[in-house]
Amino acid sequence: MAERYLYDYSSHRAVMYEVGDYLYALSGNKAEHWISGDYVFCIKTQTISFWILGNDVYGHVGRGELTRQPLYYFGD
């Protein structure tokens, strides 16, 4: 299965990587989030963490509201 990396928009540094439907911290081997469609859910809280639009990833701030600017982006 191919890996895909998630980069921080501010620093352009990789912060997580995706394998299958799961996101892992770069330094970890335990999934922190899972992806379902365009949504990313936190494994710990079982709530929506992020929303994916193309390669951009927006933060979910609650009540269906998203951050105005993407926080992360997927790179190849």
PDB file of N, CA and C in Angstrom:
ATOM      1  N   MET A   1       0.840  -1.178   0.000  1.00  0.00           N
ATOM      2  CA  MET A   1       0.000   0.000   0.000  1.00  0.00           C
ATOM      3  C   MET A   1       0.888   1.246   0.000  1.00  0.00           C
ATOM      4  N   ALA A   2       0.592   2.194  -0.857  1.00  0.00           N
ATOM      5  CA  ALA A   2       1.403   3.404  -0.979  1.00  0.00           C
ATOM      6  C   ALA A   2       1.115   4.369   0.162  1.00  0.00           C
ATOM      7  N   GLU A   3       2.151   5.073   0.577  1.00  0.00           N
ATOM      8  CA  GLU A   3       2.012   6.089   1.612  1.00  0.00           C
ATOM      9  C   GLU A   3       1.859   7.449   0.956  1.00  0.00           C
ATOM     10  N   ARG A   4       1.150   8.318   1.626  1.00  0.00           N
ATOM     11  CA  ARG A   4       0.991   9.694   1.172  1.00  0.00           C
ATOM     12  C   ARG A   4       1.226  10.564   2.397  1.00  0.00           C
ATOM     13  N   TYR A   5       1.919  11.678   2.209  1.00  0.00           N
ATOM     14  CA  TYR A   5       2.271  12.534   3.336  1.00  0.00           C
ATOM     15  C   TYR A   5       1.387  13.778   3.394  1.00  0.00           C
ATOM     16  N   LEU A   6       1.138  14.215   4.623  1.00  0.00           N
ATOM     17  CA  LEU A   6       0.354  15.412   4.894  1.00  0.00           C
ATOM     18  C   LEU A   6       1.330  16.471   5.400  1.00  0.00           C
ATOM     19  N   TYR A   7       1.342  17.623   4.723  1.00  0.00           N
ATOM     20  CA  TYR A   7       2.287  18.695   5.032  1.00  0.00           C
ATOM     21  C   TYR A   7       1.572  19.885   5.652  1.00  0.00           C
ATOM     22  N   ASP A   8       2.255  20.551   6.566  1.00  0.00           N
ATOM     23  CA  ASP A   8       1.770  21.761   7.195  1.00  0.00           C
ATOM     24  C   ASP A   8       1.895  22.920   6.197  1.00  0.00           C
ATOM     25  N   TYR A   9       0.835  23.704   6.026  1.00  0.00           N
ATOM     26  CA  TYR A   9       0.870  24.819   5.074  1.00  0.00           C
ATOM     27  C   TYR A   9       1.847  25.908   5.502  1.00  0.00           C
ATOM     28  N   SER A  10       2.046  26.117   6.789  1.00  0.00           N
ATOM     29  CA  SER A  10       2.940  27.172   7.268  1.00  0.00           C
ATOM     30  C   SER A  10       4.407  26.828   7.070  1.00  0.00           C
ATOM     31  N   SER A  11       4.791  25.633   7.491  1.00  0.00           N
ATOM     32  CA  SER A  11       6.205  25.255   7.460  1.00  0.00           C
ATOM     33  C   SER A  11       6.578  24.395   6.262  1.00  0.00           C
ATOM     34  N   HIS A  12       5.578  23.835   5.576  1.00  0.00           N
ATOM     35  CA  HIS A  12       5.784  22.910   4.448  1.00  0.00           C
ATOM     36  C   HIS A  12       6.570  21.669   4.866  1.00  0.00           C
ATOM     37  N   ARG A  13       6.432  21.319   6.128  1.00  0.00           N
ATOM     38  CA  ARG A  13       7.058  20.099   6.645  1.00  0.00           C
ATOM     39  C   ARG A  13       6.005  19.016   6.813  1.00  0.00           C
ATOM     40  N   ALA A  14       6.387  17.795   6.556  1.00  0.00           N
ATOM     41  CA  ALA A  14       5.473  16.670   6.733  1.00  0.00           C
ATOM     42  C   ALA A  14       5.134  16.538   8.215  1.00  0.00           C
ATOM     43  N   VAL A  15       3.850  16.319   8.515  1.00  0.00           N
ATOM     44  CA  VAL A  15       3.411  16.171   9.900  1.00  0.00           C
ATOM     45  C   VAL A  15       2.747  14.814  10.148  1.00  0.00           C
ATOM     46  N   MET A  16       2.177  14.221   9.102  1.00  0.00           N
ATOM     47  CA  MET A  16       1.526  12.918   9.214  1.00  0.00           C
ATOM     48  C   MET A  16       1.700  12.167   7.900  1.00  0.00           C
ATOM     49  N   TYR A  17       1.433  10.882   7.959  1.00  0.00           N
ATOM     50  CA  TYR A  17       1.409  10.106   6.729  1.00  0.00           C
ATOM     51  C   TYR A  17       0.178   9.211   6.718  1.00  0.00           C
ATOM     52  N   GLU A  18      -0.294   8.943   5.506  1.00  0.00           N
ATOM     53  CA  GLU A  18      -1.506   8.158   5.314  1.00  0.00           C
ATOM     54  C   GLU A  18      -1.144   6.783   4.781  1.00  0.00           C
ATOM     55  N   VAL A  19      -1.722   5.774   5.394  1.00  0.00           N
ATOM     56  CA  VAL A  19      -1.630   4.407   4.893  1.00  0.00           C
ATOM     57  C   VAL A  19      -3.040   3.848   4.933  1.00  0.00           C
ATOM     58  N   GLY A  20      -3.556   3.486   3.773  1.00  0.00           N
ATOM     59  CA  GLY A  20      -4.940   3.034   3.719  1.00  0.00           C
ATOM     60  C   GLY A  20      -5.868   4.174   4.105  1.00  0.00           C
ATOM     61  N   ASP A  21      -6.749   3.930   5.040  1.00  0.00           N
ATOM     62  CA  ASP A  21      -7.696   4.951   5.500  1.00  0.00           C
ATOM     63  C   ASP A  21      -7.283   5.591   6.818  1.00  0.00           C
ATOM     64  N   TYR A  22      -6.007   5.492   7.170  1.00  0.00           N
ATOM     65  CA  TYR A  22      -5.549   5.981   8.469  1.00  0.00           C
ATOM     66  C   TYR A  22      -4.414   6.977   8.334  1.00  0.00           C
ATOM     67  N   LEU A  23      -4.373   7.946   9.268  1.00  0.00           N
ATOM     68  CA  LEU A  23      -3.291   8.915   9.364  1.00  0.00           C
ATOM     69  C   LEU A  23      -2.492   8.644  10.631  1.00  0.00           C
ATOM     70  N   TYR A  24      -1.187   8.653  10.476  1.00  0.00           N
ATOM     71  CA  TYR A  24      -0.252   8.403  11.570  1.00  0.00           C
ATOM     72  C   TYR A  24       0.663   9.608  11.729  1.00  0.00           C
ATOM     73  N   ALA A  25       1.062   9.904  12.972  1.00  0.00           N
ATOM     74  CA  ALA A  25       2.082  10.918  13.208  1.00  0.00           C
ATOM     75  C   ALA A  25       3.385  10.396  12.620  1.00  0.00           C
ATOM     76  N   LEU A  26       4.245  11.288  12.156  1.00  0.00           N
ATOM     77  CA  LEU A  26       5.506  10.857  11.548  1.00  0.00           C
ATOM     78  C   LEU A  26       6.330   9.977  12.475  1.00  0.00           C
ATOM     79  N   SER A  27       6.286  10.259  13.741  1.00  0.00           N
ATOM     80  CA  SER A  27       7.110   9.519  14.691  1.00  0.00           C
ATOM     81  C   SER A  27       6.373   8.343  15.331  1.00  0.00           C
ATOM     82  N   GLY A  28       5.154   8.063  14.881  1.00  0.00           N
ATOM     83  CA  GLY A  28       4.385   7.022  15.548  1.00  0.00           C
ATOM     84  C   GLY A  28       3.997   5.878  14.641  1.00  0.00           C
ATOM     85  N   ASN A  29       3.573   4.811  15.271  1.00  0.00           N
ATOM     86  CA  ASN A  29       3.107   3.657  14.508  1.00  0.00           C
ATOM     87  C   ASN A  29       1.666   3.306  14.884  1.00  0.00           C
ATOM     88  N   LYS A  30       1.010   4.204  15.613  1.00  0.00           N
ATOM     89  CA  LYS A  30      -0.384   4.014  15.999  1.00  0.00           C
ATOM     90  C   LYS A  30      -1.225   5.085  15.296  1.00  0.00           C
ATOM     91  N   ALA A  31      -2.274   4.652  14.612  1.00  0.00           N
ATOM     92  CA  ALA A  31      -3.116   5.594  13.871  1.00  0.00           C
ATOM     93  C   ALA A  31      -3.750   6.608  14.830  1.00  0.00           C
ATOM     94  N   GLU A  32      -3.760   7.878  14.410  1.00  0.00           N
ATOM     95  CA  GLU A  32      -4.380   8.943  15.195  1.00  0.00           C
ATOM     96  C   GLU A  32      -5.714   9.379  14.616  1.00  0.00           C
ATOM     97  N   HIS A  33      -5.883   9.195  13.300  1.00  0.00           N
ATOM     98  CA  HIS A  33      -7.094   9.610  12.602  1.00  0.00           C
ATOM     99  C   HIS A  33      -7.460   8.565  11.572  1.00  0.00           C
ATOM    100  N   TRP A  34      -8.746   8.535  11.184  1.00  0.00           N
ATOM    101  CA  TRP A  34      -9.144   7.710  10.055  1.00  0.00           C
ATOM    102  C   TRP A  34      -9.906   8.579   9.080  1.00  0.00           C
ATOM    103  N   ILE A  35      -9.827   8.203   7.806  1.00  0.00           N
ATOM    104  CA  ILE A  35     -10.441   8.968   6.731  1.00  0.00           C
ATOM    105  C   ILE A  35     -11.666   8.218   6.226  1.00  0.00           C
ATOM    106  N   SER A  36     -12.756   8.939   6.111  1.00  0.00           N
ATOM    107  CA  SER A  36     -13.991   8.389   5.560  1.00  0.00           C
ATOM    108  C   SER A  36     -14.533   9.411   4.573  1.00  0.00           C
ATOM    109  N   GLY A  37     -14.398   9.128   3.282  1.00  0.00           N
ATOM    110  CA  GLY A  37     -14.817  10.088   2.269  1.00  0.00           C
ATOM    111  C   GLY A  37     -13.971  11.341   2.347  1.00  0.00           C
ATOM    112  N   ASP A  38     -14.622  12.492   2.518  1.00  0.00           N
ATOM    113  CA  ASP A  38     -13.914  13.775   2.606  1.00  0.00           C
ATOM    114  C   ASP A  38     -13.652  14.202   4.045  1.00  0.00           C
ATOM    115  N   TYR A  39     -13.981  13.345   4.994  1.00  0.00           N
ATOM    116  CA  TYR A  39     -13.820  13.696   6.408  1.00  0.00           C
ATOM    117  C   TYR A  39     -12.714  12.890   7.064  1.00  0.00           C
ATOM    118  N   VAL A  40     -12.045  13.543   8.015  1.00  0.00           N
ATOM    119  CA  VAL A  40     -11.011  12.892   8.821  1.00  0.00           C
ATOM    120  C   VAL A  40     -11.513  12.920  10.263  1.00  0.00           C
ATOM    121  N   PHE A  41     -11.552  11.761  10.889  1.00  0.00           N
ATOM    122  CA  PHE A  41     -12.044  11.631  12.258  1.00  0.00           C
ATOM    123  C   PHE A  41     -10.899  11.321  13.211  1.00  0.00           C
ATOM    124  N   CYS A  42     -10.965  11.875  14.397  1.00  0.00           N
ATOM    125  CA  CYS A  42     -10.005  11.591  15.457  1.00  0.00           C
ATOM    126  C   CYS A  42     -10.367  10.253  16.089  1.00  0.00           C
ATOM    127  N   ILE A  43      -9.404   9.369  16.180  1.00  0.00           N
ATOM    128  CA  ILE A  43      -9.664   8.057  16.781  1.00  0.00           C
ATOM    129  C   ILE A  43      -9.989   8.197  18.273  1.00  0.00           C
ATOM    130  N   LYS A  44      -9.311   9.096  18.950  1.00  0.00           N
ATOM    131  CA  LYS A  44      -9.503   9.250  20.392  1.00  0.00           C
ATOM    132  C   LYS A  44     -10.887   9.794  20.743  1.00  0.00           C
ATOM    133  N   THR A  45     -11.342  10.836  20.020  1.00  0.00           N
ATOM    134  CA  THR A  45     -12.610  11.480  20.364  1.00  0.00           C
ATOM    135  C   THR A  45     -13.781  11.022  19.497  1.00  0.00           C
ATOM    136  N   GLN A  46     -13.474  10.330  18.384  1.00  0.00           N
ATOM    137  CA  GLN A  46     -14.509   9.858  17.453  1.00  0.00           C
ATOM    138  C   GLN A  46     -15.292  11.012  16.832  1.00  0.00           C
ATOM    139  N   THR A  47     -14.674  12.189  16.724  1.00  0.00           N
ATOM    140  CA  THR A  47     -15.322  13.352  16.125  1.00  0.00           C
ATOM    141  C   THR A  47     -14.556  13.799  14.880  1.00  0.00           C
ATOM    142  N   ILE A  48     -15.195  14.630  14.070  1.00  0.00           N
ATOM    143  CA  ILE A  48     -14.557  15.144  12.860  1.00  0.00           C
ATOM    144  C   ILE A  48     -13.423  16.083  13.244  1.00  0.00           C
ATOM    145  N   SER A  49     -12.247  15.844  12.675  1.00  0.00           N
ATOM    146  CA  SER A  49     -11.088  16.701  12.907  1.00  0.00           C
ATOM    147  C   SER A  49     -10.831  17.627  11.727  1.00  0.00           C
ATOM    148  N   PHE A  50     -10.954  17.074  10.518  1.00  0.00           N
ATOM    149  CA  PHE A  50     -10.591  17.799   9.307  1.00  0.00           C
ATOM    150  C   PHE A  50     -11.545  17.464   8.174  1.00  0.00           C
ATOM    151  N   TRP A  51     -11.507  18.318   7.151  1.00  0.00           N
ATOM    152  CA  TRP A  51     -12.268  18.099   5.934  1.00  0.00           C
ATOM    153  C   TRP A  51     -11.311  18.218   4.763  1.00  0.00           C
ATOM    154  N   ILE A  52     -11.375  17.268   3.845  1.00  0.00           N
ATOM    155  CA  ILE A  52     -10.465  17.226   2.708  1.00  0.00           C
ATOM    156  C   ILE A  52     -11.174  17.778   1.474  1.00  0.00           C
ATOM    157  N   LEU A  53     -10.530  18.711   0.801  1.00  0.00           N
ATOM    158  CA  LEU A  53     -11.015  19.252  -0.464  1.00  0.00           C
ATOM    159  C   LEU A  53      -9.855  19.186  -1.446  1.00  0.00           C
ATOM    160  N   GLY A  54      -9.879  18.207  -2.325  1.00  0.00           N
ATOM    161  CA  GLY A  54      -8.751  17.984  -3.235  1.00  0.00           C
ATOM    162  C   GLY A  54      -7.556  17.542  -2.426  1.00  0.00           C
ATOM    163  N   ASN A  55      -6.454  18.273  -2.534  1.00  0.00           N
ATOM    164  CA  ASN A  55      -5.261  17.972  -1.738  1.00  0.00           C
ATOM    165  C   ASN A  55      -5.173  18.828  -0.478  1.00  0.00           C
ATOM    166  N   ASP A  56      -6.100  19.771  -0.313  1.00  0.00           N
ATOM    167  CA  ASP A  56      -6.093  20.655   0.851  1.00  0.00           C
ATOM    168  C   ASP A  56      -6.910  20.064   1.987  1.00  0.00           C
ATOM    169  N   VAL A  57      -6.451  20.312   3.210  1.00  0.00           N
ATOM    170  CA  VAL A  57      -7.125  19.795   4.396  1.00  0.00           C
ATOM    171  C   VAL A  57      -7.428  20.966   5.327  1.00  0.00           C
ATOM    172  N   TYR A  58      -8.712  21.142   5.610  1.00  0.00           N
ATOM    173  CA  TYR A  58      -9.191  22.234   6.465  1.00  0.00           C
ATOM    174  C   TYR A  58      -9.509  21.706   7.851  1.00  0.00           C
ATOM    175  N   GLY A  59      -9.293  22.537   8.850  1.00  0.00           N
ATOM    176  CA  GLY A  59      -9.641  22.164  10.215  1.00  0.00           C
ATOM    177  C   GLY A  59     -11.136  22.277  10.441  1.00  0.00           C
ATOM    178  N   HIS A  60     -11.665  21.424  11.284  1.00  0.00           N
ATOM    179  CA  HIS A  60     -13.082  21.481  11.661  1.00  0.00           C
ATOM    180  C   HIS A  60     -13.133  22.115  13.040  1.00  0.00           C
ATOM    181  N   VAL A  61     -13.768  23.278  13.131  1.00  0.00           N
ATOM    182  CA  VAL A  61     -13.782  24.016  14.395  1.00  0.00           C
ATOM    183  C   VAL A  61     -15.059  23.807  15.195  1.00  0.00           C
ATOM    184  N   GLY A  62     -15.983  23.016  14.669  1.00  0.00           N
ATOM    185  CA  GLY A  62     -17.215  22.726  15.395  1.00  0.00           C
ATOM    186  C   GLY A  62     -18.446  23.264  14.693  1.00  0.00           C
ATOM    187  N   ARG A  63     -19.569  22.627  14.975  1.00  0.00           N
ATOM    188  CA  ARG A  63     -20.867  23.016  14.414  1.00  0.00           C
ATOM    189  C   ARG A  63     -20.839  23.142  12.897  1.00  0.00           C
ATOM    190  N   GLY A  64     -20.070  22.284  12.246  1.00  0.00           N
ATOM    191  CA  GLY A  64     -20.000  22.297  10.792  1.00  0.00           C
ATOM    192  C   GLY A  64     -19.140  23.398  10.207  1.00  0.00           C
ATOM    193  N   GLU A  65     -18.463  24.175  11.046  1.00  0.00           N
ATOM    194  CA  GLU A  65     -17.619  25.259  10.563  1.00  0.00           C
ATOM    195  C   GLU A  65     -16.193  24.773  10.346  1.00  0.00           C
ATOM    196  N   LEU A  66     -15.583  25.320   9.289  1.00  0.00           N
ATOM    197  CA  LEU A  66     -14.210  24.963   8.927  1.00  0.00           C
ATOM    198  C   LEU A  66     -13.307  26.180   9.049  1.00  0.00           C
ATOM    199  N   THR A  67     -12.008  25.920   9.105  1.00  0.00           N
ATOM    200  CA  THR A  67     -11.059  27.027   9.060  1.00  0.00           C
ATOM    201  C   THR A  67     -11.156  27.688   7.683  1.00  0.00           C
ATOM    202  N   ARG A  68     -10.893  28.976   7.622  1.00  0.00           N
ATOM    203  CA  ARG A  68     -10.984  29.703   6.339  1.00  0.00           C
ATOM    204  C   ARG A  68      -9.890  29.283   5.375  1.00  0.00           C
ATOM    205  N   GLN A  69      -8.733  29.023   5.888  1.00  0.00           N
ATOM    206  CA  GLN A  69      -7.587  28.605   5.069  1.00  0.00           C
ATOM    207  C   GLN A  69      -7.249  27.159   5.409  1.00  0.00           C
ATOM    208  N   PRO A  70      -6.755  26.407   4.433  1.00  0.00           N
ATOM    209  CA  PRO A  70      -6.356  25.028   4.737  1.00  0.00           C
ATOM    210  C   PRO A  70      -5.186  25.007   5.718  1.00  0.00           C
ATOM    211  N   LEU A  71      -5.180  24.010   6.585  1.00  0.00           N
ATOM    212  CA  LEU A  71      -4.095  23.834   7.549  1.00  0.00           C
ATOM    213  C   LEU A  71      -2.992  22.954   6.979  1.00  0.00           C
ATOM    214  N   TYR A  72      -3.385  21.963   6.195  1.00  0.00           N
ATOM    215  CA  TYR A  72      -2.459  20.974   5.667  1.00  0.00           C
ATOM    216  C   TYR A  72      -2.745  20.727   4.188  1.00  0.00           C
ATOM    217  N   TYR A  73      -1.831  20.033   3.555  1.00  0.00           N
ATOM    218  CA  TYR A  73      -2.049  19.588   2.178  1.00  0.00           C
ATOM    219  C   TYR A  73      -1.363  18.244   1.983  1.00  0.00           C
ATOM    220  N   PHE A  74      -1.938  17.448   1.099  1.00  0.00           N
ATOM    221  CA  PHE A  74      -1.342  16.162   0.761  1.00  0.00           C
ATOM    222  C   PHE A  74      -0.332  16.360  -0.356  1.00  0.00           C
ATOM    223  N   GLY A  75       0.828  15.772  -0.183  1.00  0.00           N
ATOM    224  CA  GLY A  75       1.853  15.780  -1.219  1.00  0.00           C
ATOM    225  C   GLY A  75       2.135  14.369  -1.655  1.00  0.00           C
ATOM    226  N   ASP A  76       2.724  14.242  -2.812  1.00  0.00           N
ATOM    227  CA  ASP A  76       3.029  12.887  -3.334  1.00  0.00           C
ATOM    228  C   ASP A  76       4.368  12.394  -2.894  1.00  0.00           C
TER     229      ASP A  76
END
